[in-house]
Amino acid sequence: MASSKEYLDFVLEQLSGLQEITFRAMMGEYLLYYRGKIFGGIYDNRFLVKPVKSAKAKMPDAPMELPYEGAKEMLLVEDIENKAFLTELVSAMYEEPGGKKC
């Protein structure tokens, strides 16, 4: 099932406290970037982020889910309504070394 543009727009609104959030459409899903660095995406209308140390620390009980068959597991962001939390999460992930820049 492809993700809806409406869900993408909702997630982008929740991340509106951050400058330089961009996305790229990819096979019916959306990859999310902060300042050119990928941190997660929208897959089947689920907001998933890379399971990096800072994300695991902020969401220790978050379930791991597959974005699509054959992919590596990612963390499901369940507290999608909390803009302050999302801003902290993505900012912390950006500061973590070793991420892929595009």
Protein backbone atom coordinates (compact mmCIF):
# COMPACT_ATOMS: atom_id res chain seq x y z
CA MET A 1 0.00 0.00 0.00
CA ALA A 2 1.42 3.39 -0.94
CA SER A 3 1.46 6.27 1.52
CA SER A 4 -0.94 9.14 1.03
CA LYS A 5 0.12 12.70 0.30
CA GLU A 6 -2.20 13.75 3.14
CA TYR A 7 -0.22 11.70 5.67
CA LEU A 8 3.04 13.13 4.34
CA ASP A 9 1.63 16.65 4.70
CA PHE A 10 0.57 15.86 8.28
CA VAL A 11 4.06 14.62 9.21
CA LEU A 12 5.69 17.62 7.53
CA GLU A 13 3.41 19.94 9.52
CA GLN A 14 4.42 18.13 12.72
CA LEU A 15 8.08 18.74 11.76
CA SER A 16 7.50 22.38 10.81
CA GLY A 17 9.56 23.59 13.78
CA LEU A 18 12.67 22.47 11.92
CA GLN A 19 14.12 24.32 8.96
CA GLU A 20 15.34 22.43 5.91
CA ILE A 21 13.08 19.35 6.13
CA THR A 22 12.74 17.92 2.63
CA PHE A 23 11.33 14.76 1.12
CA ARG A 24 11.76 12.62 -1.95
CA ALA A 25 9.00 10.45 -3.40
CA MET A 26 10.18 6.89 -3.98
CA MET A 27 7.92 4.11 -5.29
CA GLY A 28 4.77 5.39 -3.56
CA GLU A 29 6.57 6.18 -0.31
CA TYR A 30 8.53 9.21 0.93
CA LEU A 31 12.10 9.53 2.18
CA LEU A 32 12.62 12.32 4.73
CA TYR A 33 15.74 14.46 5.05
CA TYR A 34 16.92 17.06 7.52
CA ARG A 35 19.59 19.41 6.18
CA GLY A 36 20.35 16.92 3.42
CA LYS A 37 20.75 13.93 5.75
CA ILE A 38 18.22 11.10 5.56
CA PHE A 39 16.64 10.28 8.90
CA GLY A 40 13.54 8.27 8.03
CA GLY A 41 10.50 8.08 5.86
CA ILE A 42 6.81 7.50 5.39
CA TYR A 43 6.00 3.89 4.55
CA ASP A 44 2.41 2.61 4.32
CA ASN A 45 1.29 5.71 6.22
CA ARG A 46 3.71 4.98 9.05
CA PHE A 47 6.44 7.39 10.16
CA LEU A 48 9.62 5.33 10.55
CA VAL A 49 13.09 6.54 11.50
CA LYS A 50 16.55 5.01 11.34
CA PRO A 51 17.36 3.00 14.49
CA VAL A 52 20.35 5.11 15.47
CA LYS A 53 21.52 5.43 19.08
CA SER A 54 19.83 8.78 19.75
CA ALA A 55 16.49 7.61 18.35
CA LYS A 56 16.60 4.42 20.42
CA ALA A 57 17.40 6.48 23.53
CA LYS A 58 14.43 8.80 22.96
CA MET A 59 12.06 5.94 22.07
CA PRO A 60 13.28 2.91 24.06
CA ASP A 61 10.00 1.04 23.71
CA ALA A 62 9.35 1.85 20.05
CA PRO A 63 8.55 -1.18 17.92
CA MET A 64 10.88 -2.11 15.10
CA GLU A 65 9.09 -2.47 11.76
CA LEU A 66 10.04 -3.20 8.18
CA PRO A 67 9.45 -0.27 5.84
CA TYR A 68 9.09 -2.78 2.98
CA GLU A 69 10.00 -6.39 2.38
CA GLY A 70 13.74 -6.95 2.23
CA ALA A 71 14.64 -3.70 4.02
CA LYS A 72 16.32 -3.22 7.38
CA GLU A 73 14.01 -2.64 10.33
CA MET A 74 13.31 0.91 11.43
CA LEU A 75 11.75 2.47 14.53
CA LEU A 76 8.06 3.31 14.41
CA VAL A 77 7.35 6.82 15.71
CA GLU A 78 4.16 6.50 17.71
CA ASP A 79 4.13 9.93 19.41
CA ILE A 80 3.36 11.66 16.13
CA GLU A 81 1.13 14.31 17.73
CA ASN A 82 3.95 15.74 19.86
CA LYS A 83 5.70 18.42 17.78
CA ALA A 84 8.26 19.26 20.48
CA PHE A 85 9.27 15.60 20.79
CA LEU A 86 9.60 15.22 17.02
CA THR A 87 11.79 18.32 16.82
CA GLU A 88 14.05 16.95 19.58
CA LEU A 89 14.17 13.50 17.96
CA VAL A 90 15.16 14.66 14.48
CA SER A 91 17.64 17.23 15.85
CA ALA A 92 19.36 14.57 17.96
CA MET A 93 19.50 12.18 15.01
CA TYR A 94 21.06 14.86 12.82
CA GLU A 95 23.86 15.45 15.33
CA GLU A 96 24.74 11.75 15.43
CA PRO A 97 27.83 10.88 13.36
CA GLY A 98 27.85 8.40 10.52
CA GLY A 99 24.58 9.25 8.75
CA LYS A 100 24.29 9.28 4.99
CA LYS A 101 24.22 12.73 3.40
CA CYS A 102 22.66 13.26 0.01
